[in-house]
Each structure stands twice: as structure tokens, then as C-alpha cells.
């Protein structure tokens, strides 16, 4: 198999396979295994520094996700309309990605160390728990490494290629998608591949709890909780 066929599969076909597995897998799991639809927190197993690690990880990962969504999904015409060039957009992505990447890396390093080296937490850890954690960890590291590569392409050419790839995939033009990403540095391709692989693993992991963000909890009426006191004689 030559390089062009590899690109066709991983960047022209794989995005749709990953999307199908993601949506169908989540629907099937919610329909058939609702009791497994939870975060399965291990805080009770080992609480030391867990809150700090969890906050750093979630703040970093949510900001990074929002940045990727803004960078890959929002059309370039929007940025032109508000006066942001591709070069400026790339600088913003590098700075913001670097800051929140470090925050996420610190928190995730603490969580990975805890998950692997704490006996009590490890005993309650499944193979998928470890796999999804390590894939996210690898994805984060590779994403941070792309910053140094981006410094050699400050004209926005890399950003343009990745945006074009995303646009072509979302508009169901796989041939043009492959052409857009074909000449991009391999580290970006690896970053994109691992990102799609996370969508494949998503329905089979604890990540499904993301779908159940308690948005309505904020506006819910408060509950009065009273302690029962036994009557005195």
C-alpha cells in the first residue's frame, strides 16, 4: 500500500467510519447498558491531590476542545469577516494551545500516575480506562509538539490545510479532503488520526458521561433536606 492509499483511508474514509461508530455506539450503549453510563469516579479510592488534578485536566481539555472546534469547524470566511488572518489565527492557536496544553498536561500527568501506580485505583481500573487515558495523554503530547513545527510555518499554510480538510470532510467531499491534508507534516496527521480514534473509543469508555452534562441542574428548584431526629421521651 503506498502513501496515497494510506491517506485515502485514514483521512478520506476513516473520518466517516469513526463518526458512524461514535454515534451508533453511543445510541446502542445508552439503549442497552444505561447502568454503565457514568463517569465511574475513583475519588473514593484515593483522594489526595485528585481534585487539583481533575480541575487542571478538565479546564485544560475543555479549552483545547473549544479551540479545536473554533479552528476546524468554524468557516474561514467568519475569520475574514472579523479581520483575523490565517497567520494571526495560527498565532492565537499556538499561544492558547500552549497555555491550556500545559495546564492539561500537568493535571493529566497527575491522573495517569495515580491511575497506574496507586494500587487501590489500579484495582478498580479496566483495560479501557487505561487505554483511553493513554490515548488522550499521547494526543495531548503530540498536540503540544505540533506547536514547535508550526513555528516553521507562520504564514498560516498548515492552518489552511487542516481547515480545508475539516471543511471537505464535513461537506462530504473526501477526495478533496485527502488532497488538502496530503502534504501536511506527519505529526499533524498523527494528531488528526488520534483525534478520530478517540471518537471510535468513546462509546466503549467512561467518556460517554460527557453526553450527560447536568445542564438543567443549574436552573432546578432547590431541595430542602432535613435530618430526621428521633422523638425524645
Protein backbone atom coordinates (compact mmCIF):
# COMPACT_ATOMS: atom_id res chain seq x y z
CA UNK A 1 0.00 0.00 0.00
CA UNK A 2 1.52 3.33 -1.00
CA UNK A 3 1.28 6.63 0.84
CA UNK A 4 -1.63 7.94 -1.23
CA UNK A 5 -3.80 4.94 -0.36
CA UNK A 6 -2.92 5.35 3.29
CA UNK A 7 -4.02 8.98 3.12
CA UNK A 8 -7.23 8.00 1.31
CA UNK A 9 -8.17 5.53 4.04
CA UNK A 10 -7.15 7.46 7.15
CA UNK A 11 -8.25 10.93 6.01
CA UNK A 12 -10.94 10.17 3.45
CA UNK A 13 -12.67 7.04 4.78
CA UNK A 14 -11.72 6.75 8.46
CA UNK A 15 -13.47 10.02 9.47
CA UNK A 16 -16.82 8.59 8.38
CA UNK A 17 -16.16 5.20 9.97
CA UNK A 18 -15.22 6.92 13.22
CA UNK A 19 -18.35 9.09 13.09
CA UNK A 20 -20.61 6.09 12.45
CA UNK A 21 -19.09 4.11 15.33
CA UNK A 22 -19.30 7.16 17.58
CA UNK A 23 -22.99 7.91 17.06
CA UNK A 24 -24.30 4.35 16.65
CA UNK A 25 -22.15 3.07 19.50
CA UNK A 26 -23.44 5.75 21.86
CA UNK A 27 -27.06 5.09 20.90
CA UNK A 28 -26.73 1.34 21.38
CA UNK A 29 -24.94 1.69 24.69
CA UNK A 30 -27.50 4.15 26.02
CA UNK A 31 -30.31 1.86 24.92
CA UNK A 32 -28.87 -1.40 26.24
CA UNK A 33 -26.39 -0.53 29.02
CA UNK A 34 -27.64 2.52 30.84
CA UNK A 35 -26.22 1.33 34.15
CA UNK A 36 -22.73 1.68 32.70
CA UNK A 37 -23.43 5.25 31.55
CA UNK A 38 -21.41 7.03 34.23
CA UNK A 39 -18.06 8.62 34.97
CA UNK A 40 -17.12 5.87 37.43
CA UNK A 41 -15.12 8.24 39.61
CA UNK A 42 -12.32 6.66 41.65
CA UNK A 43 -12.03 9.59 44.06
CA UNK A 44 -13.14 7.42 46.96
CA UNK A 45 -10.17 5.13 46.30
CA UNK A 46 -7.55 7.84 46.60
CA UNK A 47 -8.43 11.46 47.22
CA UNK A 48 -5.00 13.08 47.68
CA UNK A 49 -4.50 15.85 45.09
CA UNK A 50 -7.31 14.33 43.00
CA UNK A 51 -9.39 17.50 42.95
CA UNK A 52 -6.44 19.63 41.80
CA UNK A 53 -5.51 17.15 39.08
CA UNK A 54 -9.12 16.82 37.94
CA UNK A 55 -9.68 20.58 37.78
CA UNK A 56 -6.46 21.19 35.84
CA UNK A 57 -7.28 18.38 33.42
CA UNK A 58 -10.88 19.42 32.78
CA UNK A 59 -10.13 23.14 32.43
CA UNK A 60 -7.31 22.38 30.00
CA UNK A 61 -9.12 19.75 27.95
CA UNK A 62 -12.34 21.75 27.62
CA UNK A 63 -10.45 24.84 26.48
CA UNK A 64 -8.44 22.77 24.00
CA UNK A 65 -11.61 21.16 22.65
CA UNK A 66 -13.24 24.57 22.23
CA UNK A 67 -10.14 25.81 20.43
CA UNK A 68 -10.11 22.86 18.06
CA UNK A 69 -13.80 23.32 17.35
CA UNK A 70 -13.26 27.00 16.59
CA UNK A 71 -10.23 26.25 14.46
CA UNK A 72 -11.54 23.34 12.42
CA UNK A 73 -15.31 23.74 12.26
CA UNK A 74 -15.95 27.47 12.05
CA UNK A 75 -15.53 28.52 8.38
CA UNK A 76 -12.56 30.68 7.43
CA UNK A 77 -14.97 33.26 5.98
CA UNK A 78 -16.02 34.08 9.53
CA UNK A 79 -12.45 34.95 10.49
CA UNK A 80 -12.03 37.05 7.35
CA UNK A 81 -15.22 38.88 8.26
CA UNK A 82 -13.92 39.83 11.72
CA UNK A 83 -10.49 40.71 10.37
CA UNK A 84 -8.41 37.76 11.61
CA UNK A 85 -5.96 36.37 9.06
CA UNK A 86 -4.88 32.73 8.97
CA UNK A 87 -1.42 33.72 10.23
CA UNK A 88 -2.94 35.61 13.18
CA UNK A 89 -5.32 32.71 13.85
CA UNK A 90 -2.35 30.34 13.94
CA UNK A 91 -0.54 32.51 16.48
CA UNK A 92 -3.63 32.63 18.67
CA UNK A 93 -3.96 28.85 18.41
CA UNK A 94 -0.30 28.34 19.32
CA UNK A 95 -0.41 30.65 22.36
CA UNK A 96 -3.78 29.48 23.71
CA UNK A 97 -3.00 25.85 22.89
CA UNK A 98 0.34 26.11 24.64
CA UNK A 99 -1.10 27.63 27.82
CA UNK A 100 -4.05 25.28 28.18
CA UNK A 101 -1.95 22.38 26.92
CA UNK A 102 0.46 22.84 29.82
CA UNK A 103 -2.42 23.14 32.30
CA UNK A 104 -3.98 19.94 30.92
CA UNK A 105 -0.62 18.17 30.81
CA UNK A 106 0.08 18.84 34.49
CA UNK A 107 -3.35 17.61 35.55
CA UNK A 108 -3.27 14.60 33.29
CA UNK A 109 0.21 13.57 34.34
CA UNK A 110 -1.03 13.50 37.92
CA UNK A 111 -4.07 11.45 36.90
CA UNK A 112 -2.04 8.99 34.80
CA UNK A 113 0.45 8.48 37.64
CA UNK A 114 -2.39 7.96 40.09
CA UNK A 115 -4.22 5.54 37.79
CA UNK A 116 -1.16 3.38 37.10
CA UNK A 117 0.85 3.48 40.32
CA UNK A 118 -1.79 3.66 43.05
CA UNK A 119 -2.75 0.09 43.96
CA UNK A 120 -6.33 0.84 45.04
CA UNK A 121 -7.13 2.90 41.95
CA UNK A 122 -5.42 0.39 39.66
CA UNK A 123 -7.52 -2.42 41.13
CA UNK A 124 -10.72 -0.67 40.01
CA UNK A 125 -9.32 0.25 36.58
CA UNK A 126 -10.41 -1.56 33.43
CA UNK A 127 -8.33 -2.09 30.31
CA UNK A 128 -10.43 0.51 28.50
CA UNK A 129 -9.88 3.02 31.31
CA UNK A 130 -6.13 2.72 30.87
CA UNK A 131 -6.30 2.68 27.08
CA UNK A 132 -8.46 5.81 26.76
CA UNK A 133 -6.32 7.66 29.30
CA UNK A 134 -3.09 6.84 27.49
CA UNK A 135 -4.54 7.72 24.07
CA UNK A 136 -5.66 11.13 25.37
CA UNK A 137 -2.26 11.58 27.01
CA UNK A 138 -0.45 10.73 23.76
CA UNK A 139 -2.80 13.00 21.82
CA UNK A 140 -2.05 15.86 24.20
CA UNK A 141 1.72 15.41 23.93
CA UNK A 142 1.61 15.22 20.13
CA UNK A 143 -0.61 18.28 20.03
CA UNK A 144 1.92 20.24 22.07
CA UNK A 145 4.73 19.04 19.80
CA UNK A 146 2.92 20.48 16.79
CA UNK A 147 3.48 23.96 18.23
CA UNK A 148 7.22 23.78 17.53
CA UNK A 149 6.53 22.55 13.98
CA UNK A 150 4.06 25.38 13.46
CA UNK A 151 6.79 27.91 14.19
CA UNK A 152 8.35 27.00 10.84
CA UNK A 153 5.10 27.74 9.01
CA UNK A 154 3.95 31.09 10.36
CA UNK A 155 2.26 32.00 7.08
CA UNK A 156 -0.82 30.00 8.08
CA UNK A 157 -0.35 27.35 5.39
CA UNK A 158 -0.66 24.48 7.84
CA UNK A 159 -3.76 26.00 9.41
CA UNK A 160 -5.22 26.44 5.94
CA UNK A 161 -4.64 22.79 5.02
CA UNK A 162 -6.21 21.47 8.22
CA UNK A 163 -9.21 23.80 7.92
CA UNK A 164 -9.72 22.73 4.32
CA UNK A 165 -9.54 19.06 5.32
CA UNK A 166 -12.15 19.54 8.05
CA UNK A 167 -14.40 21.54 5.74
CA UNK A 168 -14.24 18.92 2.99
CA UNK A 169 -14.96 16.09 5.42
CA UNK A 170 -17.94 17.90 6.91
CA UNK A 171 -19.34 18.63 3.44
CA UNK A 172 -18.81 15.02 2.31
CA UNK A 173 -16.05 15.64 -0.22
CA UNK A 174 -13.47 13.02 0.82
CA UNK A 175 -11.35 13.28 -2.33
CA UNK A 176 -10.75 16.99 -1.75
CA UNK A 177 -10.22 16.30 1.94
CA UNK A 178 -7.35 13.92 1.17
CA UNK A 179 -5.81 16.42 -1.23
CA UNK A 180 -5.98 19.15 1.45
CA UNK A 181 -4.07 17.18 4.07
CA UNK A 182 -1.76 15.15 1.83
CA UNK A 183 1.27 17.49 2.12
CA UNK A 184 0.83 18.33 5.80
CA UNK A 185 3.63 17.27 8.18
CA UNK A 186 3.18 13.73 9.54
CA UNK A 187 2.88 14.92 13.13
CA UNK A 188 -0.32 16.80 12.25
CA UNK A 189 -1.63 13.71 10.51
CA UNK A 190 -0.92 11.65 13.62
CA UNK A 191 -2.72 14.27 15.73
CA UNK A 192 -5.75 14.11 13.44
CA UNK A 193 -5.71 10.30 13.40
CA UNK A 194 -5.60 10.02 17.20
CA UNK A 195 -8.39 12.57 17.44
CA UNK A 196 -10.62 10.43 15.23
CA UNK A 197 -9.59 7.30 17.15
CA UNK A 198 -10.87 8.91 20.35
CA UNK A 199 -14.29 9.12 18.67
CA UNK A 200 -14.03 5.39 17.90
CA UNK A 201 -13.20 4.52 21.52
CA UNK A 202 -15.70 6.98 23.00
CA UNK A 203 -18.82 4.73 23.09
CA UNK A 204 -16.90 1.91 24.78
CA UNK A 205 -15.37 4.01 27.55
CA UNK A 206 -16.42 6.11 30.52
CA UNK A 207 -16.25 9.18 28.27
CA UNK A 208 -19.93 8.69 27.44
CA UNK A 209 -20.76 10.60 30.62
CA UNK A 210 -19.89 13.76 28.67
CA UNK A 211 -23.29 13.42 26.94
CA UNK A 212 -24.97 13.69 30.33
CA UNK A 213 -23.72 17.11 31.40
CA UNK A 214 -26.24 18.24 34.09
CA UNK A 215 -27.20 21.48 32.35
CA UNK A 216 -30.70 21.54 33.87
CA UNK A 217 -29.22 21.23 37.36
CA UNK A 218 -28.36 24.95 37.36
CA UNK A 219 -31.99 26.02 36.99
CA UNK A 220 -33.52 23.27 39.10
CA UNK A 221 -35.52 24.21 42.18
CA UNK A 222 -33.57 23.76 45.37
CA UNK A 223 -34.31 20.83 47.63
CA UNK A 224 -34.87 21.08 51.35
CA UNK A 225 -33.05 18.29 53.14
CA UNK A 226 -33.84 17.72 56.82
CA UNK A 227 -32.30 15.29 59.20
CA UNK A 228 -34.70 13.01 60.99
CA UNK A 229 -34.44 13.44 64.76
CA UNK A 230 -35.92 10.78 66.98
CA UNK A 231 -38.59 11.99 69.35
CA UNK A 232 -37.43 12.39 72.93
CA UNK A 233 -39.45 10.97 75.79
